[in-house]
Amino acid sequence: MYQVAISFVVALVFLGTGSEEILSSIFGGSLSIFNTMLLAKSINDAAEAAKKQEKDRSAFLLFKSLFVRIAIILIGFYVGIVYLLLEALQILVAFALAQIGYVFYKTKYIY
C-alpha cells in the first residue's frame, strides 16, 4: 500500500508542478509494485525449496529471480520511454521513491 500511495503522491506532485500527465508516474510506480510482487513470489519459492533441504535450488531461484526482475524493469523502462512516449524523469522518480518506500516499510517489520 505504501508503494501505491507514494506513486499517487509523486503523480500529484508532478501534476502540481505543471506536468500535463500523471500516467508516467503511475507507470513507474506500477513497475515498482510489480517488482515487489515478483520478489515476494521468488522468496516464497526459495523458502519452499529450503524447507525441502534443497539449498542449491533455493539459491538458484533467488539469483534467477534477481536477473528476471532486472530484465523486466529495464524492458519496462524501455517500453514506457520509447514506445509509450512517457516522461522518463517521472517514471524514474516514481519507481525510485516507491522502491525506497518499500525498503522503509520492510525494515520497520524486519527488526
Protein backbone atom coordinates (compact mmCIF):
# COMPACT_ATOMS: atom_id res chain seq x y z
CA MET A 1 0.00 0.00 0.00
CA TYR A 2 2.94 2.33 0.66
CA GLN A 3 4.09 1.95 -2.91
CA VAL A 4 0.64 2.76 -4.30
CA ALA A 5 0.34 5.82 -2.06
CA ILE A 6 3.83 7.03 -2.96
CA SER A 7 3.11 6.58 -6.68
CA PHE A 8 -0.03 8.70 -6.44
CA VAL A 9 1.72 11.37 -4.37
CA VAL A 10 4.53 11.58 -6.93
CA ALA A 11 1.94 11.83 -9.71
CA LEU A 12 0.16 14.65 -7.88
CA VAL A 13 3.43 16.48 -7.22
CA PHE A 14 4.36 16.34 -10.89
CA LEU A 15 0.83 17.42 -11.80
CA GLY A 16 1.18 20.36 -9.42
CA THR A 17 4.50 21.39 -10.97
CA GLY A 18 2.93 21.80 -14.39
CA SER A 19 3.12 18.35 -15.91
CA GLU A 20 0.13 17.55 -18.07
CA GLU A 21 0.06 13.81 -17.43
CA ILE A 22 0.23 11.55 -14.44
CA LEU A 23 0.43 8.32 -16.42
CA SER A 24 4.24 8.40 -16.36
CA SER A 25 4.34 8.42 -12.57
CA ILE A 26 1.70 5.72 -12.33
CA PHE A 27 3.67 3.62 -14.81
CA GLY A 28 6.89 3.97 -12.78
CA GLY A 29 5.09 3.13 -9.56
CA SER A 30 3.45 0.13 -11.22
CA LEU A 31 6.85 -1.17 -12.28
CA SER A 32 7.98 -0.91 -8.68
CA ILE A 33 4.90 -2.72 -7.38
CA PHE A 34 5.30 -5.47 -9.99
CA ASN A 35 8.95 -5.83 -8.98
CA THR A 36 7.91 -6.22 -5.35
CA MET A 37 5.33 -8.87 -6.20
CA LEU A 38 7.92 -10.85 -8.17
CA LEU A 39 10.33 -10.56 -5.23
CA ALA A 40 7.72 -11.90 -2.83
CA LYS A 41 6.95 -14.84 -5.12
CA SER A 42 10.61 -15.74 -5.51
CA ILE A 43 11.21 -15.56 -1.77
CA ASN A 44 8.25 -17.87 -1.17
CA ASP A 45 9.51 -20.31 -3.81
CA ALA A 46 13.02 -20.24 -2.33
CA ALA A 47 11.63 -20.77 1.16
CA GLU A 48 9.70 -23.83 -0.04
CA ALA A 49 12.87 -25.22 -1.62
CA ALA A 50 14.81 -24.54 1.58
CA LYS A 51 12.18 -26.38 3.63
CA LYS A 52 12.81 -29.43 1.46
CA GLN A 53 16.57 -29.11 2.17
CA GLU A 54 17.28 -28.08 -1.43
CA LYS A 55 19.77 -25.32 -0.65
CA ASP A 56 21.24 -25.17 -4.14
CA ARG A 57 17.82 -24.87 -5.73
CA SER A 58 16.82 -22.20 -3.21
CA ALA A 59 19.88 -20.08 -4.03
CA PHE A 60 19.35 -20.64 -7.76
CA LEU A 61 15.74 -19.45 -7.51
CA LEU A 62 16.81 -16.24 -5.79
CA PHE A 63 19.53 -15.49 -8.35
CA LYS A 64 17.23 -16.32 -11.25
CA SER A 65 14.61 -14.02 -9.78
CA LEU A 66 17.13 -11.21 -9.48
CA PHE A 67 18.06 -11.39 -13.16
CA VAL A 68 14.46 -11.77 -14.30
CA ARG A 69 13.35 -8.77 -12.23
CA ILE A 70 16.20 -6.59 -13.52
CA ALA A 71 15.37 -7.57 -17.11
CA ILE A 72 11.67 -6.86 -16.63
CA ILE A 73 12.40 -3.46 -15.09
CA LEU A 74 14.75 -2.48 -17.90
CA ILE A 75 12.29 -3.65 -20.53
CA GLY A 76 9.54 -1.76 -18.71
CA PHE A 77 11.58 1.45 -18.73
CA TYR A 78 12.34 0.96 -22.42
CA VAL A 79 8.72 0.34 -23.35
CA GLY A 80 7.49 3.27 -21.25
CA ILE A 81 10.01 5.76 -22.58
CA VAL A 82 10.41 4.66 -26.21
CA TYR A 83 7.08 3.14 -27.22
CA LEU A 84 4.59 4.83 -24.91
CA LEU A 85 6.49 8.15 -25.03
CA LEU A 86 6.10 8.75 -21.30
CA GLU A 87 8.21 11.21 -19.33
CA ALA A 88 11.43 9.45 -18.33
CA LEU A 89 12.03 11.59 -15.23
CA GLN A 90 8.58 10.90 -13.85
CA ILE A 91 8.93 7.16 -14.43
CA LEU A 92 12.31 7.03 -12.72
CA VAL A 93 11.33 9.22 -9.77
CA ALA A 94 8.12 7.30 -9.12
CA PHE A 95 9.92 3.97 -9.41
CA ALA A 96 12.77 5.02 -7.13
CA LEU A 97 10.56 6.58 -4.46
CA ALA A 98 8.18 3.60 -4.46
CA GLN A 99 11.17 1.26 -4.03
CA ILE A 100 12.52 3.41 -1.20
CA GLY A 101 9.08 3.38 0.41
CA TYR A 102 9.07 -0.42 0.22
CA VAL A 103 12.50 -0.60 1.83
CA PHE A 104 11.48 1.66 4.71
CA TYR A 105 8.25 -0.27 5.21
CA LYS A 106 10.00 -3.65 5.23
CA THR A 107 12.81 -2.59 7.58
CA LYS A 108 10.14 -1.45 10.02
CA TYR A 109 8.90 -5.03 10.29
CA ILE A 110 12.18 -6.94 9.88
CA TYR A 111 13.81 -5.65 13.06
